[in-house]
Amino acid sequence: MVATIDLTWTFVDGNIKILWGDTNEDGDDRTYSYPLRKAVPWMREKGLPKQTIDKFMIDNLRRLFTW
């Protein structure tokens, strides 16, 4: 499992609607720094151990991109 910055959207009445607006209003905040600024603090807040966060953010990505 890895952390990503995917953005999910759909069209409603001909307009783009960003989904998950409760955590990412209008999608304006979804940049490459999003995981470090938002996801990591959220995981810490939810009690995930540092080892688990490092696995999502570092170790699994390293394995994915270097095999």
PDB file of N, CA and C in Angstrom:
ATOM      1  N   MET A   1       0.833  -1.146   0.000  1.00  0.00           N
ATOM      2  CA  MET A   1       0.000   0.000   0.000  1.00  0.00           C
ATOM      3  C   MET A   1       0.898   1.235   0.000  1.00  0.00           C
ATOM      4  N   VAL A   2       0.508   2.245  -0.779  1.00  0.00           N
ATOM      5  CA  VAL A   2       1.240   3.505  -0.819  1.00  0.00           C
ATOM      6  C   VAL A   2       0.249   4.654  -0.701  1.00  0.00           C
ATOM      7  N   ALA A   3       0.729   5.784  -0.232  1.00  0.00           N
ATOM      8  CA  ALA A   3      -0.091   6.994  -0.185  1.00  0.00           C
ATOM      9  C   ALA A   3       0.003   7.682  -1.536  1.00  0.00           C
ATOM     10  N   THR A   4      -1.114   8.174  -2.044  1.00  0.00           N
ATOM     11  CA  THR A   4      -1.137   8.862  -3.339  1.00  0.00           C
ATOM     12  C   THR A   4      -1.831  10.213  -3.195  1.00  0.00           C
ATOM     13  N   ILE A   5      -1.819  10.982  -4.270  1.00  0.00           N
ATOM     14  CA  ILE A   5      -2.519  12.261  -4.266  1.00  0.00           C
ATOM     15  C   ILE A   5      -3.595  12.276  -5.344  1.00  0.00           C
ATOM     16  N   ASP A   6      -4.245  11.152  -5.548  1.00  0.00           N
ATOM     17  CA  ASP A   6      -5.306  11.075  -6.552  1.00  0.00           C
ATOM     18  C   ASP A   6      -6.427  12.057  -6.226  1.00  0.00           C
ATOM     19  N   LEU A   7      -7.021  12.588  -7.259  1.00  0.00           N
ATOM     20  CA  LEU A   7      -8.163  13.479  -7.107  1.00  0.00           C
ATOM     21  C   LEU A   7      -9.337  12.822  -7.822  1.00  0.00           C
ATOM     22  N   THR A   8     -10.446  12.712  -7.158  1.00  0.00           N
ATOM     23  CA  THR A   8     -11.622  12.088  -7.748  1.00  0.00           C
ATOM     24  C   THR A   8     -12.662  13.160  -8.022  1.00  0.00           C
ATOM     25  N   TRP A   9     -13.176  13.184  -9.248  1.00  0.00           N
ATOM     26  CA  TRP A   9     -14.169  14.180  -9.601  1.00  0.00           C
ATOM     27  C   TRP A   9     -15.186  13.582 -10.552  1.00  0.00           C
ATOM     28  N   THR A  10     -16.282  14.287 -10.728  1.00  0.00           N
ATOM     29  CA  THR A  10     -17.348  13.866 -11.624  1.00  0.00           C
ATOM     30  C   THR A  10     -18.009  15.117 -12.190  1.00  0.00           C
ATOM     31  N   PHE A  11     -18.912  14.938 -13.132  1.00  0.00           N
ATOM     32  CA  PHE A  11     -19.691  16.061 -13.655  1.00  0.00           C
ATOM     33  C   PHE A  11     -21.092  16.016 -13.063  1.00  0.00           C
ATOM     34  N   VAL A  12     -21.567  17.171 -12.613  1.00  0.00           N
ATOM     35  CA  VAL A  12     -22.927  17.323 -12.113  1.00  0.00           C
ATOM     36  C   VAL A  12     -23.534  18.523 -12.822  1.00  0.00           C
ATOM     37  N   ASP A  13     -24.582  18.286 -13.593  1.00  0.00           N
ATOM     38  CA  ASP A  13     -25.230  19.361 -14.350  1.00  0.00           C
ATOM     39  C   ASP A  13     -24.231  20.139 -15.209  1.00  0.00           C
ATOM     40  N   GLY A  14     -23.300  19.432 -15.815  1.00  0.00           N
ATOM     41  CA  GLY A  14     -22.328  20.057 -16.698  1.00  0.00           C
ATOM     42  C   GLY A  14     -21.156  20.735 -16.006  1.00  0.00           C
ATOM     43  N   ASN A  15     -21.123  20.678 -14.689  1.00  0.00           N
ATOM     44  CA  ASN A  15     -20.023  21.288 -13.927  1.00  0.00           C
ATOM     45  C   ASN A  15     -19.199  20.208 -13.239  1.00  0.00           C
ATOM     46  N   ILE A  16     -17.912  20.473 -13.108  1.00  0.00           N
ATOM     47  CA  ILE A  16     -17.042  19.533 -12.402  1.00  0.00           C
ATOM     48  C   ILE A  16     -17.334  19.615 -10.919  1.00  0.00           C
ATOM     49  N   LYS A  17     -17.533  18.462 -10.303  1.00  0.00           N
ATOM     50  CA  LYS A  17     -17.718  18.401  -8.863  1.00  0.00           C
ATOM     51  C   LYS A  17     -16.593  17.553  -8.284  1.00  0.00           C
ATOM     52  N   ILE A  18     -15.850  18.130  -7.358  1.00  0.00           N
ATOM     53  CA  ILE A  18     -14.772  17.419  -6.688  1.00  0.00           C
ATOM     54  C   ILE A  18     -15.381  16.575  -5.582  1.00  0.00           C
ATOM     55  N   LEU A  19     -15.057  15.300  -5.559  1.00  0.00           N
ATOM     56  CA  LEU A  19     -15.533  14.426  -4.506  1.00  0.00           C
ATOM     57  C   LEU A  19     -14.582  14.527  -3.326  1.00  0.00           C
ATOM     58  N   TRP A  20     -14.984  14.052  -2.203  1.00  0.00           N
ATOM     59  CA  TRP A  20     -14.227  14.140  -0.961  1.00  0.00           C
ATOM     60  C   TRP A  20     -14.041  15.587  -0.549  1.00  0.00           C
ATOM     61  N   GLY A  21     -15.014  16.445  -0.862  1.00  0.00           N
ATOM     62  CA  GLY A  21     -14.932  17.862  -0.532  1.00  0.00           C
ATOM     63  C   GLY A  21     -14.816  18.137   0.949  1.00  0.00           C
ATOM     64  N   ASP A  22     -15.201  17.169   1.774  1.00  0.00           N
ATOM     65  CA  ASP A  22     -15.105  17.387   3.212  1.00  0.00           C
ATOM     66  C   ASP A  22     -13.660  17.463   3.673  1.00  0.00           C
ATOM     67  N   THR A  23     -12.749  16.851   2.936  1.00  0.00           N
ATOM     68  CA  THR A  23     -11.340  16.890   3.323  1.00  0.00           C
ATOM     69  C   THR A  23     -10.496  17.682   2.340  1.00  0.00           C
ATOM     70  N   ASN A  24     -11.063  18.042   1.198  1.00  0.00           N
ATOM     71  CA  ASN A  24     -10.291  18.732   0.169  1.00  0.00           C
ATOM     72  C   ASN A  24     -11.228  19.655  -0.605  1.00  0.00           C
ATOM     73  N   GLU A  25     -11.698  20.704   0.034  1.00  0.00           N
ATOM     74  CA  GLU A  25     -12.685  21.582  -0.570  1.00  0.00           C
ATOM     75  C   GLU A  25     -12.247  22.085  -1.944  1.00  0.00           C
ATOM     76  N   ASP A  26     -13.082  21.818  -2.932  1.00  0.00           N
ATOM     77  CA  ASP A  26     -12.883  22.233  -4.324  1.00  0.00           C
ATOM     78  C   ASP A  26     -11.618  21.691  -4.977  1.00  0.00           C
ATOM     79  N   GLY A  27     -10.880  20.832  -4.304  1.00  0.00           N
ATOM     80  CA  GLY A  27      -9.683  20.258  -4.885  1.00  0.00           C
ATOM     81  C   GLY A  27      -8.518  21.224  -4.996  1.00  0.00           C
ATOM     82  N   ASP A  28      -8.669  22.450  -4.476  1.00  0.00           N
ATOM     83  CA  ASP A  28      -7.617  23.457  -4.623  1.00  0.00           C
ATOM     84  C   ASP A  28      -6.338  23.110  -3.875  1.00  0.00           C
ATOM     85  N   ASP A  29      -6.456  22.298  -2.864  1.00  0.00           N
ATOM     86  CA  ASP A  29      -5.306  22.018  -2.004  1.00  0.00           C
ATOM     87  C   ASP A  29      -4.536  20.771  -2.425  1.00  0.00           C
ATOM     88  N   ARG A  30      -4.923  20.130  -3.504  1.00  0.00           N
ATOM     89  CA  ARG A  30      -4.322  18.851  -3.882  1.00  0.00           C
ATOM     90  C   ARG A  30      -3.094  19.090  -4.733  1.00  0.00           C
ATOM     91  N   THR A  31      -1.951  19.308  -4.082  1.00  0.00           N
ATOM     92  CA  THR A  31      -0.682  19.500  -4.764  1.00  0.00           C
ATOM     93  C   THR A  31       0.257  18.369  -4.346  1.00  0.00           C
ATOM     94  N   TYR A  32       1.455  18.368  -4.882  1.00  0.00           N
ATOM     95  CA  TYR A  32       2.400  17.308  -4.533  1.00  0.00           C
ATOM     96  C   TYR A  32       2.821  17.340  -3.076  1.00  0.00           C
ATOM     97  N   SER A  33       2.640  18.463  -2.413  1.00  0.00           N
ATOM     98  CA  SER A  33       2.977  18.530  -0.989  1.00  0.00           C
ATOM     99  C   SER A  33       1.832  18.054  -0.099  1.00  0.00           C
ATOM    100  N   TYR A  34       0.682  17.782  -0.685  1.00  0.00           N
ATOM    101  CA  TYR A  34      -0.500  17.383   0.086  1.00  0.00           C
ATOM    102  C   TYR A  34      -0.243  16.215   1.043  1.00  0.00           C
ATOM    103  N   PRO A  35       0.392  15.126   0.585  1.00  0.00           N
ATOM    104  CA  PRO A  35       0.595  14.007   1.514  1.00  0.00           C
ATOM    105  C   PRO A  35       1.400  14.407   2.754  1.00  0.00           C
ATOM    106  N   LEU A  36       2.412  15.240   2.572  1.00  0.00           N
ATOM    107  CA  LEU A  36       3.233  15.635   3.718  1.00  0.00           C
ATOM    108  C   LEU A  36       2.525  16.657   4.600  1.00  0.00           C
ATOM    109  N   ARG A  37       1.769  17.552   3.975  1.00  0.00           N
ATOM    110  CA  ARG A  37       1.100  18.601   4.746  1.00  0.00           C
ATOM    111  C   ARG A  37      -0.181  18.130   5.407  1.00  0.00           C
ATOM    112  N   LYS A  38      -0.896  17.211   4.759  1.00  0.00           N
ATOM    113  CA  LYS A  38      -2.220  16.824   5.240  1.00  0.00           C
ATOM    114  C   LYS A  38      -2.319  15.351   5.647  1.00  0.00           C
ATOM    115  N   ALA A  39      -1.859  14.448   4.778  1.00  0.00           N
ATOM    116  CA  ALA A  39      -2.053  13.018   5.032  1.00  0.00           C
ATOM    117  C   ALA A  39      -1.223  12.519   6.209  1.00  0.00           C
ATOM    118  N   VAL A  40       0.049  12.897   6.264  1.00  0.00           N
ATOM    119  CA  VAL A  40       0.900  12.427   7.366  1.00  0.00           C
ATOM    120  C   VAL A  40       0.384  12.939   8.713  1.00  0.00           C
ATOM    121  N   PRO A  41       0.073  14.233   8.849  1.00  0.00           N
ATOM    122  CA  PRO A  41      -0.494  14.676  10.126  1.00  0.00           C
ATOM    123  C   PRO A  41      -1.808  13.967  10.468  1.00  0.00           C
ATOM    124  N   TRP A  42      -2.634  13.697   9.468  1.00  0.00           N
ATOM    125  CA  TRP A  42      -3.897  12.981   9.699  1.00  0.00           C
ATOM    126  C   TRP A  42      -3.618  11.571  10.217  1.00  0.00           C
ATOM    127  N   MET A  43      -2.651  10.875   9.600  1.00  0.00           N
ATOM    128  CA  MET A  43      -2.317   9.524  10.055  1.00  0.00           C
ATOM    129  C   MET A  43      -1.794   9.548  11.490  1.00  0.00           C
ATOM    130  N   ARG A  44      -0.954  10.542  11.809  1.00  0.00           N
ATOM    131  CA  ARG A  44      -0.456  10.677  13.193  1.00  0.00           C
ATOM    132  C   ARG A  44      -1.613  10.913  14.155  1.00  0.00           C
ATOM    133  N   GLU A  45      -2.524  11.805  13.764  1.00  0.00           N
ATOM    134  CA  GLU A  45      -3.687  12.124  14.599  1.00  0.00           C
ATOM    135  C   GLU A  45      -4.534  10.890  14.873  1.00  0.00           C
ATOM    136  N   LYS A  46      -4.617  10.005  13.883  1.00  0.00           N
ATOM    137  CA  LYS A  46      -5.410   8.782  14.022  1.00  0.00           C
ATOM    138  C   LYS A  46      -4.659   7.675  14.761  1.00  0.00           C
ATOM    139  N   GLY A  47      -3.417   7.947  15.148  1.00  0.00           N
ATOM    140  CA  GLY A  47      -2.677   7.000  15.962  1.00  0.00           C
ATOM    141  C   GLY A  47      -1.843   5.976  15.219  1.00  0.00           C
ATOM    142  N   LEU A  48      -1.629   6.153  13.920  1.00  0.00           N
ATOM    143  CA  LEU A  48      -0.775   5.215  13.197  1.00  0.00           C
ATOM    144  C   LEU A  48       0.658   5.366  13.685  1.00  0.00           C
ATOM    145  N   PRO A  49       1.326   4.264  13.930  1.00  0.00           N
ATOM    146  CA  PRO A  49       2.726   4.330  14.369  1.00  0.00           C
ATOM    147  C   PRO A  49       3.618   4.892  13.260  1.00  0.00           C
ATOM    148  N   LYS A  50       4.711   5.548  13.660  1.00  0.00           N
ATOM    149  CA  LYS A  50       5.660   6.109  12.700  1.00  0.00           C
ATOM    150  C   LYS A  50       6.141   5.053  11.714  1.00  0.00           C
ATOM    151  N   GLN A  51       6.353   3.840  12.191  1.00  0.00           N
ATOM    152  CA  GLN A  51       6.816   2.760  11.318  1.00  0.00           C
ATOM    153  C   GLN A  51       5.806   2.495  10.192  1.00  0.00           C
ATOM    154  N   THR A  52       4.527   2.538  10.487  1.00  0.00           N
ATOM    155  CA  THR A  52       3.494   2.318   9.479  1.00  0.00           C
ATOM    156  C   THR A  52       3.454   3.478   8.489  1.00  0.00           C
ATOM    157  N   ILE A  53       3.531   4.695   8.997  1.00  0.00           N
ATOM    158  CA  ILE A  53       3.532   5.870   8.118  1.00  0.00           C
ATOM    159  C   ILE A  53       4.750   5.828   7.198  1.00  0.00           C
ATOM    160  N   ASP A  54       5.916   5.502   7.745  1.00  0.00           N
ATOM    161  CA  ASP A  54       7.127   5.393   6.923  1.00  0.00           C
ATOM    162  C   ASP A  54       6.972   4.317   5.855  1.00  0.00           C
ATOM    163  N   LYS A  55       6.285   3.237   6.191  1.00  0.00           N
ATOM    164  CA  LYS A  55       6.075   2.169   5.215  1.00  0.00           C
ATOM    165  C   LYS A  55       5.244   2.684   4.044  1.00  0.00           C
ATOM    166  N   PHE A  56       4.148   3.427   4.339  1.00  0.00           N
ATOM    167  CA  PHE A  56       3.301   3.990   3.278  1.00  0.00           C
ATOM    168  C   PHE A  56       4.032   5.045   2.458  1.00  0.00           C
ATOM    169  N   MET A  57       4.763   5.915   3.137  1.00  0.00           N
ATOM    170  CA  MET A  57       5.318   7.098   2.497  1.00  0.00           C
ATOM    171  C   MET A  57       6.721   6.902   1.909  1.00  0.00           C
ATOM    172  N   ILE A  58       7.449   5.926   2.409  1.00  0.00           N
ATOM    173  CA  ILE A  58       8.851   5.775   1.989  1.00  0.00           C
ATOM    174  C   ILE A  58       9.146   4.355   1.489  1.00  0.00           C
ATOM    175  N   ASP A  59       9.016   3.389   2.387  1.00  0.00           N
ATOM    176  CA  ASP A  59       9.490   2.034   2.100  1.00  0.00           C
ATOM    177  C   ASP A  59       8.781   1.386   0.915  1.00  0.00           C
ATOM    178  N   ASN A  60       7.450   1.427   0.888  1.00  0.00           N
ATOM    179  CA  ASN A  60       6.719   0.793  -0.210  1.00  0.00           C
ATOM    180  C   ASN A  60       6.976   1.489  -1.539  1.00  0.00           C
ATOM    181  N   LEU A  61       7.083   2.821  -1.507  1.00  0.00           N
ATOM    182  CA  LEU A  61       7.397   3.552  -2.741  1.00  0.00           C
ATOM    183  C   LEU A  61       8.791   3.211  -3.248  1.00  0.00           C
ATOM    184  N   ARG A  62       9.736   3.094  -2.329  1.00  0.00           N
ATOM    185  CA  ARG A  62      11.100   2.716  -2.715  1.00  0.00           C
ATOM    186  C   ARG A  62      11.080   1.360  -3.420  1.00  0.00           C
ATOM    187  N   ARG A  63      10.356   0.410  -2.847  1.00  0.00           N
ATOM    188  CA  ARG A  63      10.269  -0.929  -3.463  1.00  0.00           C
ATOM    189  C   ARG A  63       9.571  -0.857  -4.817  1.00  0.00           C
ATOM    190  N   LEU A  64       8.515  -0.062  -4.908  1.00  0.00           N
ATOM    191  CA  LEU A  64       7.758   0.048  -6.140  1.00  0.00           C
ATOM    192  C   LEU A  64       8.604   0.604  -7.286  1.00  0.00           C
ATOM    193  N   PHE A  65       9.396   1.624  -6.995  1.00  0.00           N
ATOM    194  CA  PHE A  65      10.135   2.311  -8.056  1.00  0.00           C
ATOM    195  C   PHE A  65      11.558   1.795  -8.274  1.00  0.00           C
ATOM    196  N   THR A  66      11.999   0.803  -7.509  1.00  0.00           N
ATOM    197  CA  THR A  66      13.368   0.323  -7.700  1.00  0.00           C
ATOM    198  C   THR A  66      13.463  -1.165  -7.999  1.00  0.00           C
ATOM    199  N   TRP A  67      12.378  -1.821  -8.247  1.00  0.00           N
ATOM    200  CA  TRP A  67      12.501  -3.252  -8.535  1.00  0.00           C
ATOM    201  C   TRP A  67      12.644  -3.474  -9.959  1.00  0.00           C
TER     202      TRP A  67
END
